Amino acid sequence: MTVNKAKYYRELAGKTQQQVADHMGLSKSGYALKEQGRRSFTVHEGIQFADFVGQPIKKIFL
């Protein structure tokens, strides 16, 4: 995944980092590290993220 895809799809969905973090059960800083590409999304987190922003997982992570 390119680093900016998570941010792009989050913003496209009109969600804040805090909203995504809350949905995924992460701290805001923990989610931010994933969005910045400094930490990887687990498979489960990827599914949660894609569902929350309303995009197919393949579109975001491939």
N, C-alpha and C. Protein backbone atom coordinates (compact mmCIF):
# COMPACT_ATOMS: atom_id res chain seq x y z
N MET A 1 0.85 -1.17 0.00
CA MET A 1 0.00 0.00 0.00
C MET A 1 0.89 1.23 0.00
N THR A 2 0.55 2.16 -0.84
CA THR A 2 1.28 3.41 -0.78
C THR A 2 0.86 4.14 0.48
N VAL A 3 1.76 4.88 1.02
CA VAL A 3 1.54 5.52 2.32
C VAL A 3 0.29 6.39 2.33
N ASN A 4 0.04 7.12 1.29
CA ASN A 4 -1.07 8.07 1.31
C ASN A 4 -2.43 7.48 1.00
N LYS A 5 -2.51 6.19 0.65
CA LYS A 5 -3.81 5.60 0.34
C LYS A 5 -4.74 5.61 1.55
N ALA A 6 -4.24 5.25 2.71
CA ALA A 6 -5.09 5.23 3.90
C ALA A 6 -5.61 6.63 4.19
N LYS A 7 -4.75 7.60 4.11
CA LYS A 7 -5.17 8.98 4.35
C LYS A 7 -6.17 9.43 3.29
N TYR A 8 -5.89 9.11 2.04
CA TYR A 8 -6.78 9.50 0.95
C TYR A 8 -8.18 8.94 1.16
N TYR A 9 -8.29 7.64 1.42
CA TYR A 9 -9.60 7.03 1.58
C TYR A 9 -10.29 7.45 2.88
N ARG A 10 -9.51 7.71 3.91
CA ARG A 10 -10.10 8.23 5.15
C ARG A 10 -10.72 9.60 4.90
N GLU A 11 -9.97 10.47 4.25
CA GLU A 11 -10.48 11.81 3.98
C GLU A 11 -11.64 11.79 2.99
N LEU A 12 -11.59 10.90 2.00
CA LEU A 12 -12.67 10.75 1.04
C LEU A 12 -13.97 10.37 1.75
N ALA A 13 -13.85 9.56 2.79
CA ALA A 13 -15.02 9.13 3.57
C ALA A 13 -15.45 10.20 4.58
N GLY A 14 -14.67 11.27 4.71
CA GLY A 14 -15.02 12.34 5.64
C GLY A 14 -14.78 11.97 7.10
N LYS A 15 -13.82 11.09 7.34
CA LYS A 15 -13.53 10.63 8.70
C LYS A 15 -12.25 11.27 9.22
N THR A 16 -12.18 11.46 10.53
CA THR A 16 -10.96 11.95 11.17
C THR A 16 -10.11 10.75 11.59
N GLN A 17 -8.85 11.02 11.89
CA GLN A 17 -8.00 9.96 12.42
C GLN A 17 -8.59 9.41 13.71
N GLN A 18 -9.14 10.28 14.54
CA GLN A 18 -9.71 9.83 15.81
C GLN A 18 -10.91 8.91 15.58
N GLN A 19 -11.75 9.22 14.63
CA GLN A 19 -12.91 8.37 14.34
C GLN A 19 -12.47 6.99 13.88
N VAL A 20 -11.49 6.94 12.99
CA VAL A 20 -10.99 5.65 12.50
C VAL A 20 -10.34 4.89 13.65
N ALA A 21 -9.52 5.56 14.43
CA ALA A 21 -8.85 4.92 15.57
C ALA A 21 -9.87 4.34 16.54
N ASP A 22 -10.90 5.10 16.86
CA ASP A 22 -11.95 4.61 17.77
C ASP A 22 -12.64 3.38 17.20
N HIS A 23 -12.96 3.40 15.92
CA HIS A 23 -13.62 2.26 15.27
C HIS A 23 -12.75 1.01 15.31
N MET A 24 -11.44 1.21 15.17
CA MET A 24 -10.51 0.08 15.12
C MET A 24 -9.99 -0.33 16.49
N GLY A 25 -10.34 0.43 17.52
CA GLY A 25 -9.86 0.11 18.86
C GLY A 25 -8.40 0.46 19.08
N LEU A 26 -7.95 1.50 18.40
CA LEU A 26 -6.56 1.95 18.51
C LEU A 26 -6.52 3.36 19.10
N SER A 27 -5.34 3.73 19.58
CA SER A 27 -5.15 5.13 19.96
C SER A 27 -5.01 5.93 18.66
N LYS A 28 -5.23 7.23 18.75
CA LYS A 28 -5.06 8.08 17.57
C LYS A 28 -3.62 8.01 17.06
N SER A 29 -2.67 8.03 17.99
CA SER A 29 -1.27 7.99 17.57
C SER A 29 -0.92 6.63 16.96
N GLY A 30 -1.52 5.57 17.47
CA GLY A 30 -1.29 4.24 16.90
C GLY A 30 -1.82 4.14 15.48
N TYR A 31 -3.00 4.70 15.26
CA TYR A 31 -3.55 4.71 13.90
C TYR A 31 -2.69 5.60 13.00
N ALA A 32 -2.27 6.76 13.49
CA ALA A 32 -1.47 7.69 12.69
C ALA A 32 -0.19 7.02 12.19
N LEU A 33 0.43 6.20 13.02
CA LEU A 33 1.64 5.48 12.60
C LEU A 33 1.34 4.56 11.42
N LYS A 34 0.19 3.93 11.43
CA LYS A 34 -0.21 3.06 10.33
C LYS A 34 -0.47 3.88 9.07
N GLU A 35 -1.16 4.99 9.22
CA GLU A 35 -1.47 5.85 8.09
C GLU A 35 -0.19 6.41 7.46
N GLN A 36 0.80 6.68 8.28
CA GLN A 36 2.08 7.21 7.81
C GLN A 36 2.99 6.13 7.23
N GLY A 37 2.60 4.87 7.37
CA GLY A 37 3.41 3.77 6.86
C GLY A 37 4.53 3.35 7.79
N ARG A 38 4.52 3.86 9.02
CA ARG A 38 5.56 3.51 9.98
C ARG A 38 5.24 2.21 10.71
N ARG A 39 3.97 1.81 10.68
CA ARG A 39 3.51 0.52 11.20
C ARG A 39 2.59 -0.09 10.16
N SER A 40 2.53 -1.41 10.12
CA SER A 40 1.68 -2.10 9.15
C SER A 40 0.29 -2.36 9.71
N PHE A 41 -0.68 -2.37 8.83
CA PHE A 41 -2.02 -2.81 9.19
C PHE A 41 -2.01 -4.34 9.25
N THR A 42 -2.64 -4.92 10.26
CA THR A 42 -2.85 -6.37 10.25
C THR A 42 -3.98 -6.65 9.26
N VAL A 43 -4.18 -7.92 8.92
CA VAL A 43 -5.28 -8.27 8.02
C VAL A 43 -6.61 -7.81 8.63
N HIS A 44 -6.80 -8.09 9.90
CA HIS A 44 -8.04 -7.70 10.58
C HIS A 44 -8.22 -6.18 10.55
N GLU A 45 -7.16 -5.44 10.82
CA GLU A 45 -7.24 -3.97 10.79
C GLU A 45 -7.55 -3.46 9.39
N GLY A 46 -6.97 -4.10 8.39
CA GLY A 46 -7.23 -3.71 7.01
C GLY A 46 -8.69 -3.88 6.64
N ILE A 47 -9.27 -5.00 7.08
CA ILE A 47 -10.69 -5.26 6.83
C ILE A 47 -11.54 -4.22 7.55
N GLN A 48 -11.21 -3.95 8.82
CA GLN A 48 -11.96 -2.94 9.59
C GLN A 48 -11.89 -1.58 8.90
N PHE A 49 -10.69 -1.20 8.49
CA PHE A 49 -10.50 0.11 7.86
C PHE A 49 -11.31 0.21 6.57
N ALA A 50 -11.18 -0.78 5.70
CA ALA A 50 -11.89 -0.76 4.42
C ALA A 50 -13.40 -0.68 4.63
N ASP A 51 -13.90 -1.44 5.59
CA ASP A 51 -15.33 -1.41 5.89
C ASP A 51 -15.76 -0.03 6.38
N PHE A 52 -14.97 0.55 7.26
CA PHE A 52 -15.33 1.84 7.86
C PHE A 52 -15.34 2.97 6.83
N VAL A 53 -14.41 2.93 5.88
CA VAL A 53 -14.36 4.00 4.87
C VAL A 53 -15.18 3.65 3.63
N GLY A 54 -15.79 2.46 3.62
CA GLY A 54 -16.69 2.08 2.53
C GLY A 54 -16.02 1.80 1.20
N GLN A 55 -14.83 1.20 1.26
CA GLN A 55 -14.09 0.87 0.04
C GLN A 55 -13.71 -0.61 0.05
N PRO A 56 -13.59 -1.22 -1.14
CA PRO A 56 -13.12 -2.61 -1.19
C PRO A 56 -11.68 -2.69 -0.69
N ILE A 57 -11.39 -3.72 0.08
CA ILE A 57 -10.05 -3.86 0.66
C ILE A 57 -8.98 -3.91 -0.42
N LYS A 58 -9.27 -4.54 -1.56
CA LYS A 58 -8.29 -4.64 -2.64
C LYS A 58 -7.93 -3.26 -3.20
N LYS A 59 -8.89 -2.38 -3.22
CA LYS A 59 -8.66 -1.03 -3.76
C LYS A 59 -7.68 -0.25 -2.89
N ILE A 60 -7.70 -0.51 -1.60
CA ILE A 60 -6.86 0.23 -0.67
C ILE A 60 -5.48 -0.40 -0.52
N PHE A 61 -5.44 -1.72 -0.39
CA PHE A 61 -4.20 -2.37 0.00
C PHE A 61 -3.44 -3.07 -1.11
N LEU A 62 -3.92 -2.99 -2.34
CA LEU A 62 -3.17 -3.59 -3.45
C LEU A 62 -2.72 -2.53 -4.42
